[in-house]
PDB file of N, CA and C in Angstrom:
ATOM      1  N   MET A   1      86.844 -14.226 -21.220  1.00  0.00           N
ATOM      2  CA  MET A   1      85.370 -14.235 -21.053  1.00  0.00           C
ATOM      3  C   MET A   1      85.214 -13.041 -20.164  1.00  0.00           C
ATOM      4  N   PRO A   2      84.401 -11.993 -20.642  1.00  0.00           N
ATOM      5  CA  PRO A   2      83.884 -10.932 -19.696  1.00  0.00           C
ATOM      6  C   PRO A   2      83.412 -11.491 -18.481  1.00  0.00           C
ATOM      7  N   ASP A   3      83.906 -10.554 -17.347  1.00  0.00           N
ATOM      8  CA  ASP A   3      83.299 -11.136 -16.036  1.00  0.00           C
ATOM      9  C   ASP A   3      82.222  -9.744 -15.675  1.00  0.00           C
ATOM     10  N   VAL A   4      81.006 -10.337 -15.464  1.00  0.00           N
ATOM     11  CA  VAL A   4      79.774  -9.134 -15.443  1.00  0.00           C
ATOM     12  C   VAL A   4      79.115  -9.691 -14.146  1.00  0.00           C
ATOM     13  N   GLU A   5      79.185  -8.938 -13.028  1.00  0.00           N
ATOM     14  CA  GLU A   5      78.277  -9.143 -11.774  1.00  0.00           C
ATOM     15  C   GLU A   5      77.172  -8.408 -11.894  1.00  0.00           C
ATOM     16  N   ARG A   6      76.123  -9.043 -11.171  1.00  0.00           N
ATOM     17  CA  ARG A   6      74.788  -8.558 -11.213  1.00  0.00           C
ATOM     18  C   ARG A   6      74.850  -7.228  -9.918  1.00  0.00           C
ATOM     19  N   GLN A   7      74.378  -6.199 -10.430  1.00  0.00           N
ATOM     20  CA  GLN A   7      74.522  -4.963  -9.693  1.00  0.00           C
ATOM     21  C   GLN A   7      72.983  -4.901  -8.811  1.00  0.00           C
ATOM     22  N   ALA A   8      72.968  -4.273  -7.595  1.00  0.00           N
ATOM     23  CA  ALA A   8      71.719  -4.420  -6.877  1.00  0.00           C
ATOM     24  C   ALA A   8      70.701  -3.568  -7.723  1.00  0.00           C
ATOM     25  N   GLY A   9      69.501  -4.120  -7.815  1.00  0.00           N
ATOM     26  CA  GLY A   9      68.234  -3.789  -8.527  1.00  0.00           C
ATOM     27  C   GLY A   9      68.299  -3.914  -9.968  1.00  0.00           C
ATOM     28  N   GLU A  10      69.216  -4.494 -10.551  1.00  0.00           N
ATOM     29  CA  GLU A  10      69.610  -4.759 -11.856  1.00  0.00           C
ATOM     30  C   GLU A  10      68.671  -5.851 -12.411  1.00  0.00           C
ATOM     31  N   SER A  11      67.991  -5.762 -13.522  1.00  0.00           N
ATOM     32  CA  SER A  11      66.974  -6.792 -14.090  1.00  0.00           C
ATOM     33  C   SER A  11      68.046  -7.883 -14.945  1.00  0.00           C
ATOM     34  N   LEU A  12      67.713  -9.056 -15.074  1.00  0.00           N
ATOM     35  CA  LEU A  12      68.458  -9.867 -15.910  1.00  0.00           C
ATOM     36  C   LEU A  12      68.695  -9.512 -17.214  1.00  0.00           C
ATOM     37  N   GLU A  13      67.713  -8.724 -17.734  1.00  0.00           N
ATOM     38  CA  GLU A  13      67.565  -8.334 -19.300  1.00  0.00           C
ATOM     39  C   GLU A  13      68.798  -7.413 -19.315  1.00  0.00           C
ATOM     40  N   SER A  14      68.829  -6.286 -18.355  1.00  0.00           N
ATOM     41  CA  SER A  14      69.969  -5.460 -18.565  1.00  0.00           C
ATOM     42  C   SER A  14      71.284  -6.105 -18.291  1.00  0.00           C
ATOM     43  N   LEU A  15      71.509  -7.074 -17.410  1.00  0.00           N
ATOM     44  CA  LEU A  15      72.799  -7.867 -17.170  1.00  0.00           C
ATOM     45  C   LEU A  15      73.060  -8.671 -18.345  1.00  0.00           C
ATOM     46  N   LEU A  16      72.218  -9.256 -18.928  1.00  0.00           N
ATOM     47  CA  LEU A  16      72.554  -9.789 -20.297  1.00  0.00           C
ATOM     48  C   LEU A  16      73.025  -9.020 -21.371  1.00  0.00           C
ATOM     49  N   LYS A  17      72.272  -7.814 -21.275  1.00  0.00           N
ATOM     50  CA  LYS A  17      72.633  -6.799 -22.418  1.00  0.00           C
ATOM     51  C   LYS A  17      74.162  -6.142 -22.155  1.00  0.00           C
ATOM     52  N   ARG A  18      74.452  -6.139 -20.830  1.00  0.00           N
ATOM     53  CA  ARG A  18      75.647  -5.660 -20.413  1.00  0.00           C
ATOM     54  C   ARG A  18      76.679  -6.606 -20.908  1.00  0.00           C
ATOM     55  N   PHE A  19      76.536  -7.915 -20.579  1.00  0.00           N
ATOM     56  CA  PHE A  19      77.422  -9.026 -20.751  1.00  0.00           C
ATOM     57  C   PHE A  19      77.623  -9.231 -22.475  1.00  0.00           C
ATOM     58  N   ARG A  20      76.495  -9.258 -23.173  1.00  0.00           N
ATOM     59  CA  ARG A  20      76.865  -9.032 -24.885  1.00  0.00           C
ATOM     60  C   ARG A  20      77.578  -8.070 -25.383  1.00  0.00           C
ATOM     61  N   ARG A  21      77.437  -6.820 -24.532  1.00  0.00           N
ATOM     62  CA  ARG A  21      78.195  -5.609 -25.257  1.00  0.00           C
ATOM     63  C   ARG A  21      79.523  -5.865 -24.766  1.00  0.00           C
ATOM     64  N   GLU A  22      79.831  -6.340 -23.577  1.00  0.00           N
ATOM     65  CA  GLU A  22      81.244  -6.446 -23.184  1.00  0.00           C
ATOM     66  C   GLU A  22      81.800  -7.475 -24.225  1.00  0.00           C
ATOM     67  N   LEU A  23      81.312  -8.676 -24.513  1.00  0.00           N
ATOM     68  CA  LEU A  23      81.639  -9.564 -25.119  1.00  0.00           C
ATOM     69  C   LEU A  23      82.046  -9.304 -26.511  1.00  0.00           C
ATOM     70  N   THR A  24      81.360  -8.451 -27.113  1.00  0.00           N
ATOM     71  CA  THR A  24      81.426  -8.037 -28.631  1.00  0.00           C
ATOM     72  C   THR A  24      82.488  -7.088 -28.552  1.00  0.00           C
ATOM     73  N   GLN A  25      82.739  -6.158 -27.513  1.00  0.00           N
ATOM     74  CA  GLN A  25      83.783  -5.174 -27.453  1.00  0.00           C
ATOM     75  C   GLN A  25      85.007  -5.912 -27.321  1.00  0.00           C
ATOM     76  N   SER A  26      85.126  -7.120 -26.576  1.00  0.00           N
ATOM     77  CA  SER A  26      86.318  -7.620 -26.363  1.00  0.00           C
ATOM     78  C   SER A  26      86.866  -8.357 -27.589  1.00  0.00           C
ATOM     79  N   GLY A  27      86.023  -8.728 -28.561  1.00  0.00           N
ATOM     80  CA  GLY A  27      86.304  -9.307 -29.721  1.00  0.00           C
ATOM     81  C   GLY A  27      86.456 -10.870 -29.748  1.00  0.00           C
ATOM     82  N   GLN A  28      86.079 -11.558 -28.370  1.00  0.00           N
ATOM     83  CA  GLN A  28      86.209 -12.920 -28.268  1.00  0.00           C
ATOM     84  C   GLN A  28      85.026 -13.741 -29.242  1.00  0.00           C
ATOM     85  N   LEU A  29      84.144 -13.130 -29.303  1.00  0.00           N
ATOM     86  CA  LEU A  29      82.974 -13.888 -30.081  1.00  0.00           C
ATOM     87  C   LEU A  29      83.473 -13.852 -31.529  1.00  0.00           C
ATOM     88  N   GLN A  30      83.812 -12.997 -31.918  1.00  0.00           N
ATOM     89  CA  GLN A  30      84.178 -12.964 -33.376  1.00  0.00           C
ATOM     90  C   GLN A  30      85.292 -13.691 -33.688  1.00  0.00           C
ATOM     91  N   ASP A  31      86.335 -13.831 -32.744  1.00  0.00           N
ATOM     92  CA  ASP A  31      87.474 -14.627 -32.805  1.00  0.00           C
ATOM     93  C   ASP A  31      87.152 -16.049 -32.796  1.00  0.00           C
ATOM     94  N   TYR A  32      85.963 -16.398 -31.854  1.00  0.00           N
ATOM     95  CA  TYR A  32      85.582 -17.950 -31.885  1.00  0.00           C
ATOM     96  C   TYR A  32      84.880 -18.323 -33.225  1.00  0.00           C
ATOM     97  N   ARG A  33      84.165 -17.387 -33.634  1.00  0.00           N
ATOM     98  CA  ARG A  33      83.423 -17.749 -35.017  1.00  0.00           C
ATOM     99  C   ARG A  33      84.294 -18.005 -36.149  1.00  0.00           C
ATOM    100  N   ARG A  34      85.376 -17.195 -36.094  1.00  0.00           N
ATOM    101  CA  ARG A  34      86.374 -17.200 -37.002  1.00  0.00           C
ATOM    102  C   ARG A  34      87.178 -18.525 -36.955  1.00  0.00           C
ATOM    103  N   ARG A  35      87.635 -19.047 -35.850  1.00  0.00           N
ATOM    104  CA  ARG A  35      88.234 -20.106 -35.542  1.00  0.00           C
ATOM    105  C   ARG A  35      87.651 -21.444 -35.531  1.00  0.00           C
ATOM    106  N   GLN A  36      86.242 -21.464 -35.913  1.00  0.00           N
ATOM    107  CA  GLN A  36      85.315 -22.638 -35.712  1.00  0.00           C
ATOM    108  C   GLN A  36      85.792 -23.530 -36.972  1.00  0.00           C
ATOM    109  N   ARG A  37      86.381 -23.180 -38.090  1.00  0.00           N
ATOM    110  CA  ARG A  37      86.810 -24.086 -39.125  1.00  0.00           C
ATOM    111  C   ARG A  37      88.425 -23.631 -39.576  1.00  0.00           C
ATOM    112  N   PHE A  38      88.848 -24.546 -39.949  1.00  0.00           N
ATOM    113  CA  PHE A  38      90.472 -24.220 -40.625  1.00  0.00           C
ATOM    114  C   PHE A  38      90.284 -23.434 -42.069  1.00  0.00           C
ATOM    115  N   LEU A  39      91.150 -22.530 -41.942  1.00  0.00           N
ATOM    116  CA  LEU A  39      91.263 -21.791 -43.325  1.00  0.00           C
ATOM    117  C   LEU A  39      92.593 -21.986 -43.946  1.00  0.00           C
ATOM    118  N   SER A  40      93.054 -22.501 -44.940  1.00  0.00           N
ATOM    119  CA  SER A  40      94.577 -22.444 -45.408  1.00  0.00           C
ATOM    120  C   SER A  40      94.963 -21.177 -45.835  1.00  0.00           C
ATOM    121  N   LYS A  41      96.119 -20.920 -45.936  1.00  0.00           N
ATOM    122  CA  LYS A  41      96.485 -19.447 -46.388  1.00  0.00           C
ATOM    123  C   LYS A  41      95.909 -19.012 -47.484  1.00  0.00           C
ATOM    124  N   GLY A  42      95.707 -19.769 -48.710  1.00  0.00           N
ATOM    125  CA  GLY A  42      95.072 -19.234 -49.779  1.00  0.00           C
ATOM    126  C   GLY A  42      93.618 -18.946 -49.505  1.00  0.00           C
ATOM    127  N   GLU A  43      93.033 -19.521 -48.732  1.00  0.00           N
ATOM    128  CA  GLU A  43      91.646 -19.253 -48.450  1.00  0.00           C
ATOM    129  C   GLU A  43      91.490 -18.029 -47.447  1.00  0.00           C
ATOM    130  N   LEU A  44      92.542 -17.924 -46.676  1.00  0.00           N
ATOM    131  CA  LEU A  44      92.560 -16.576 -45.849  1.00  0.00           C
ATOM    132  C   LEU A  44      92.667 -15.423 -46.872  1.00  0.00           C
ATOM    133  N   LYS A  45      93.396 -15.565 -47.859  1.00  0.00           N
ATOM    134  CA  LYS A  45      93.926 -14.347 -48.817  1.00  0.00           C
ATOM    135  C   LYS A  45      92.734 -14.117 -49.657  1.00  0.00           C
ATOM    136  N   ARG A  46      91.999 -15.272 -50.040  1.00  0.00           N
ATOM    137  CA  ARG A  46      90.814 -14.902 -50.816  1.00  0.00           C
ATOM    138  C   ARG A  46      89.713 -14.301 -50.035  1.00  0.00           C
ATOM    139  N   GLU A  47      89.614 -14.582 -48.803  1.00  0.00           N
ATOM    140  CA  GLU A  47      88.677 -13.906 -47.964  1.00  0.00           C
ATOM    141  C   GLU A  47      88.765 -12.633 -47.722  1.00  0.00           C
ATOM    142  N   LYS A  48      90.075 -12.207 -47.329  1.00  0.00           N
ATOM    143  CA  LYS A  48      90.510 -11.070 -47.201  1.00  0.00           C
ATOM    144  C   LYS A  48      90.424 -10.002 -48.327  1.00  0.00           C
ATOM    145  N   GLN A  49      90.557 -10.543 -49.410  1.00  0.00           N
ATOM    146  CA  GLN A  49      90.274  -9.898 -50.735  1.00  0.00           C
ATOM    147  C   GLN A  49      88.681  -9.563 -50.994  1.00  0.00           C
ATOM    148  N   ARG A  50      88.013 -10.640 -50.684  1.00  0.00           N
ATOM    149  CA  ARG A  50      86.510 -10.699 -50.890  1.00  0.00           C
ATOM    150  C   ARG A  50      86.065  -9.723 -49.904  1.00  0.00           C
ATOM    151  N   LYS A  51      86.485  -9.512 -48.774  1.00  0.00           N
ATOM    152  CA  LYS A  51      86.063  -8.386 -47.823  1.00  0.00           C
ATOM    153  C   LYS A  51      86.302  -7.062 -48.236  1.00  0.00           C
ATOM    154  N   ALA A  52      87.583  -6.977 -48.770  1.00  0.00           N
ATOM    155  CA  ALA A  52      88.095  -5.504 -49.306  1.00  0.00           C
ATOM    156  C   ALA A  52      87.023  -5.010 -50.451  1.00  0.00           C
ATOM    157  N   MET A  53      86.872  -6.100 -51.531  1.00  0.00           N
ATOM    158  CA  MET A  53      86.035  -5.805 -52.538  1.00  0.00           C
ATOM    159  C   MET A  53      84.691  -5.199 -52.184  1.00  0.00           C
ATOM    160  N   ARG A  54      84.077  -6.094 -51.115  1.00  0.00           N
ATOM    161  CA  ARG A  54      82.780  -5.654 -50.499  1.00  0.00           C
ATOM    162  C   ARG A  54      82.947  -4.144 -49.830  1.00  0.00           C
ATOM    163  N   ARG A  55      83.921  -3.878 -48.978  1.00  0.00           N
ATOM    164  CA  ARG A  55      84.174  -2.867 -48.403  1.00  0.00           C
ATOM    165  C   ARG A  55      84.160  -1.643 -49.497  1.00  0.00           C
ATOM    166  N   LEU A  56      84.889  -1.735 -50.516  1.00  0.00           N
ATOM    167  CA  LEU A  56      85.084  -0.673 -51.559  1.00  0.00           C
ATOM    168  C   LEU A  56      83.610  -0.540 -52.240  1.00  0.00           C
ATOM    169  N   ARG A  57      82.729  -1.484 -52.459  1.00  0.00           N
ATOM    170  CA  ARG A  57      81.566  -1.634 -53.134  1.00  0.00           C
ATOM    171  C   ARG A  57      80.724  -0.626 -52.181  1.00  0.00           C
ATOM    172  N   ARG A  58      80.510  -0.968 -50.956  1.00  0.00           N
ATOM    173  CA  ARG A  58      79.699  -0.061 -50.082  1.00  0.00           C
ATOM    174  C   ARG A  58      80.135   1.151 -49.878  1.00  0.00           C
ATOM    175  N   ARG A  59      81.569   1.535 -50.122  1.00  0.00           N
ATOM    176  CA  ARG A  59      81.889   2.946 -49.990  1.00  0.00           C
ATOM    177  C   ARG A  59      81.621   3.692 -51.456  1.00  0.00           C
ATOM    178  N   GLY A  60      81.420   2.871 -52.429  1.00  0.00           N
ATOM    179  CA  GLY A  60      81.076   3.432 -53.717  1.00  0.00           C
ATOM    180  C   GLY A  60      82.439   3.578 -54.673  1.00  0.00           C
ATOM    181  N   GLY A  61      83.506   3.279 -54.215  1.00  0.00           N
ATOM    182  CA  GLY A  61      84.917   3.123 -54.880  1.00  0.00           C
ATOM    183  C   GLY A  61      84.953   2.292 -56.160  1.00  0.00           C
ATOM    184  N   ASP A  62      85.926   2.669 -56.966  1.00  0.00           N
ATOM    185  CA  ASP A  62      86.047   1.839 -58.150  1.00  0.00           C
ATOM    186  C   ASP A  62      86.799   0.516 -57.945  1.00  0.00           C
ATOM    187  N   ARG A  63      86.658  -0.395 -58.581  1.00  0.00           N
ATOM    188  CA  ARG A  63      87.189  -1.762 -58.358  1.00  0.00           C
ATOM    189  C   ARG A  63      88.824  -1.579 -58.598  1.00  0.00           C
ATOM    190  N   PRO A  64      89.506  -2.162 -57.391  1.00  0.00           N
ATOM    191  CA  PRO A  64      90.769  -2.142 -57.459  1.00  0.00           C
ATOM    192  C   PRO A  64      91.418  -3.088 -58.583  1.00  0.00           C
ATOM    193  N   ARG A  65      92.538  -2.666 -58.990  1.00  0.00           N
ATOM    194  CA  ARG A  65      93.213  -3.519 -59.969  1.00  0.00           C
ATOM    195  C   ARG A  65      93.604  -4.466 -59.327  1.00  0.00           C
ATOM    196  N   VAL A  66      93.722  -5.876 -59.630  1.00  0.00           N
ATOM    197  CA  VAL A  66      94.139  -7.111 -59.094  1.00  0.00           C
ATOM    198  C   VAL A  66      95.458  -7.396 -60.068  1.00  0.00           C
ATOM    199  N   ARG A  67      96.467  -7.661 -59.204  1.00  0.00           N
ATOM    200  CA  ARG A  67      97.851  -8.081 -59.759  1.00  0.00           C
ATOM    201  C   ARG A  67      97.844  -9.409 -60.397  1.00  0.00           C
ATOM    202  N   SER A  68      98.344  -9.634 -61.563  1.00  0.00           N
ATOM    203  CA  SER A  68      98.239 -11.006 -62.131  1.00  0.00           C
ATOM    204  C   SER A  68      99.756 -11.619 -61.667  1.00  0.00           C
ATOM    205  N   GLY A  69      99.874 -12.895 -62.005  1.00  0.00           N
ATOM    206  CA  GLY A  69     101.028 -13.510 -61.392  1.00  0.00           C
ATOM    207  C   GLY A  69     102.398 -13.178 -62.213  1.00  0.00           C
ATOM    208  N   ARG A  70     102.229 -12.346 -63.295  1.00  0.00           N
ATOM    209  CA  ARG A  70     103.400 -11.814 -64.014  1.00  0.00           C
ATOM    210  C   ARG A  70     103.917 -10.416 -63.738  1.00  0.00           C
ATOM    211  N   GLY A  71     103.474  -9.837 -62.550  1.00  0.00           N
ATOM    212  CA  GLY A  71     104.019  -8.652 -62.100  1.00  0.00           C
ATOM    213  C   GLY A  71     103.362  -7.486 -62.631  1.00  0.00           C
ATOM    214  N   GLU A  72     102.320  -7.756 -63.644  1.00  0.00           N
ATOM    215  CA  GLU A  72     101.806  -6.652 -64.285  1.00  0.00           C
ATOM    216  C   GLU A  72     100.308  -6.337 -63.834  1.00  0.00           C
ATOM    217  N   PHE A  73      99.737  -5.353 -64.069  1.00  0.00           N
ATOM    218  CA  PHE A  73      98.330  -5.132 -63.721  1.00  0.00           C
ATOM    219  C   PHE A  73      97.192  -5.308 -64.694  1.00  0.00           C
TER     220      PHE A  73
END
């Protein structure tokens, strides 16, 4: 957990903003949200593939070929 101390003359809004920034930069909040529910290995694999597809679509790239179970494309 990021340790943030209030500086002299600092408002609560700026203190909270600084805390949130440090929390997101540390990655702890993202890790907590990811671990809120259990994901099996298969679900993790599907989620990773779904994120990769979304990333490619956003970049405007072609759809990657997905390997079938027989070792061919």
